[in-house]
Amino acid sequence: MTVNEGKRVPGQYTYDLDATNLANGVYFLQMIVDGSQSMRKVVVLH
């Protein structure tokens, strides 16, 4: 699943993740900005 792709102007952005079609579990969110990447753990519980 790709939330956003392409160039953006510098700033702060918020994205909502609709997890209704995802099973309960642990997911990893990867963010890549200018070649630097960060990974975060997301827990989905319904």
N, C-alpha and C. Protein backbone atom coordinates (compact mmCIF):
# COMPACT_ATOMS: atom_id res chain seq x y z
N MET A 1 0.85 -1.16 0.00
CA MET A 1 0.00 0.00 0.00
C MET A 1 0.90 1.23 0.00
N THR A 2 0.68 2.13 -0.91
CA THR A 2 1.41 3.39 -0.96
C THR A 2 0.46 4.52 -0.58
N VAL A 3 0.85 5.30 0.42
CA VAL A 3 0.00 6.40 0.89
C VAL A 3 0.20 7.62 0.01
N ASN A 4 1.44 7.95 -0.28
CA ASN A 4 1.73 9.13 -1.09
C ASN A 4 3.02 8.88 -1.86
N GLU A 5 3.04 9.33 -3.08
CA GLU A 5 4.22 9.17 -3.90
C GLU A 5 4.47 10.47 -4.64
N GLY A 6 5.72 10.85 -4.79
CA GLY A 6 6.03 12.06 -5.52
C GLY A 6 6.63 13.13 -4.62
N LYS A 7 6.97 14.24 -5.23
CA LYS A 7 7.60 15.35 -4.48
C LYS A 7 6.53 16.21 -3.83
N ARG A 8 6.85 16.72 -2.66
CA ARG A 8 5.98 17.64 -1.93
C ARG A 8 6.81 18.84 -1.51
N VAL A 9 6.16 19.97 -1.29
CA VAL A 9 6.87 21.13 -0.77
C VAL A 9 7.17 20.86 0.69
N PRO A 10 8.27 21.43 1.22
CA PRO A 10 8.60 21.21 2.63
C PRO A 10 7.46 21.64 3.54
N GLY A 11 7.25 20.88 4.58
CA GLY A 11 6.19 21.20 5.54
C GLY A 11 5.83 19.99 6.37
N GLN A 12 4.76 20.10 7.10
CA GLN A 12 4.28 19.03 7.95
C GLN A 12 3.00 18.49 7.36
N TYR A 13 2.90 17.17 7.26
CA TYR A 13 1.74 16.53 6.64
C TYR A 13 1.16 15.48 7.57
N THR A 14 -0.13 15.27 7.46
CA THR A 14 -0.83 14.25 8.23
C THR A 14 -1.61 13.37 7.26
N TYR A 15 -1.53 12.07 7.45
CA TYR A 15 -2.26 11.12 6.62
C TYR A 15 -3.06 10.20 7.54
N ASP A 16 -4.29 9.94 7.17
CA ASP A 16 -5.14 9.00 7.91
C ASP A 16 -5.06 7.64 7.23
N LEU A 17 -4.87 6.61 8.02
CA LEU A 17 -4.81 5.24 7.51
C LEU A 17 -6.12 4.54 7.85
N ASP A 18 -6.85 4.13 6.84
CA ASP A 18 -8.09 3.37 7.04
C ASP A 18 -7.72 1.90 7.17
N ALA A 19 -7.77 1.38 8.39
CA ALA A 19 -7.33 0.01 8.66
C ALA A 19 -8.49 -0.98 8.69
N THR A 20 -9.66 -0.59 8.21
CA THR A 20 -10.82 -1.49 8.28
C THR A 20 -10.62 -2.76 7.47
N ASN A 21 -9.82 -2.71 6.41
CA ASN A 21 -9.59 -3.90 5.58
C ASN A 21 -8.31 -4.63 5.95
N LEU A 22 -7.65 -4.21 7.02
CA LEU A 22 -6.43 -4.87 7.47
C LEU A 22 -6.76 -5.80 8.63
N ALA A 23 -6.12 -6.95 8.67
CA ALA A 23 -6.31 -7.89 9.77
C ALA A 23 -5.59 -7.36 11.01
N ASN A 24 -6.04 -7.80 12.19
CA ASN A 24 -5.32 -7.47 13.42
C ASN A 24 -3.89 -7.94 13.29
N GLY A 25 -2.96 -7.14 13.78
CA GLY A 25 -1.56 -7.55 13.73
C GLY A 25 -0.64 -6.36 13.81
N VAL A 26 0.64 -6.67 13.62
CA VAL A 26 1.68 -5.65 13.65
C VAL A 26 2.11 -5.37 12.22
N TYR A 27 2.13 -4.11 11.85
CA TYR A 27 2.54 -3.67 10.52
C TYR A 27 3.70 -2.70 10.68
N PHE A 28 4.49 -2.57 9.64
CA PHE A 28 5.61 -1.65 9.68
C PHE A 28 5.40 -0.58 8.62
N LEU A 29 5.52 0.67 9.03
CA LEU A 29 5.35 1.82 8.17
C LEU A 29 6.74 2.34 7.81
N GLN A 30 7.04 2.38 6.52
CA GLN A 30 8.34 2.85 6.06
C GLN A 30 8.17 4.21 5.40
N MET A 31 8.97 5.17 5.84
CA MET A 31 8.95 6.51 5.27
C MET A 31 10.32 6.78 4.65
N ILE A 32 10.32 7.23 3.42
CA ILE A 32 11.57 7.56 2.73
C ILE A 32 11.50 9.01 2.28
N VAL A 33 12.47 9.81 2.72
CA VAL A 33 12.53 11.23 2.39
C VAL A 33 13.95 11.56 1.97
N ASP A 34 14.11 12.02 0.74
CA ASP A 34 15.42 12.42 0.22
C ASP A 34 16.49 11.37 0.48
N GLY A 35 16.17 10.11 0.29
CA GLY A 35 17.14 9.04 0.46
C GLY A 35 17.29 8.54 1.88
N SER A 36 16.76 9.25 2.86
CA SER A 36 16.79 8.79 4.26
C SER A 36 15.50 8.04 4.54
N GLN A 37 15.61 6.95 5.28
CA GLN A 37 14.39 6.20 5.58
C GLN A 37 14.21 6.00 7.07
N SER A 38 12.95 5.88 7.46
CA SER A 38 12.58 5.65 8.85
C SER A 38 11.49 4.61 8.86
N MET A 39 11.51 3.72 9.85
CA MET A 39 10.50 2.68 9.94
C MET A 39 9.84 2.75 11.30
N ARG A 40 8.53 2.64 11.33
CA ARG A 40 7.76 2.68 12.58
C ARG A 40 6.85 1.45 12.63
N LYS A 41 6.59 0.99 13.83
CA LYS A 41 5.68 -0.14 14.04
C LYS A 41 4.28 0.40 14.28
N VAL A 42 3.30 -0.21 13.62
CA VAL A 42 1.89 0.16 13.79
C VAL A 42 1.14 -1.10 14.21
N VAL A 43 0.36 -1.02 15.29
CA VAL A 43 -0.42 -2.15 15.76
C VAL A 43 -1.88 -1.89 15.42
N VAL A 44 -2.50 -2.86 14.74
CA VAL A 44 -3.92 -2.76 14.37
C VAL A 44 -4.71 -3.76 15.21
N LEU A 45 -5.65 -3.25 15.98
CA LEU A 45 -6.55 -4.07 16.78
C LEU A 45 -7.98 -3.59 16.54
N HIS A 46 -8.85 -4.48 16.17
CA HIS A 46 -10.25 -4.11 15.92
C HIS A 46 -11.10 -4.53 17.09
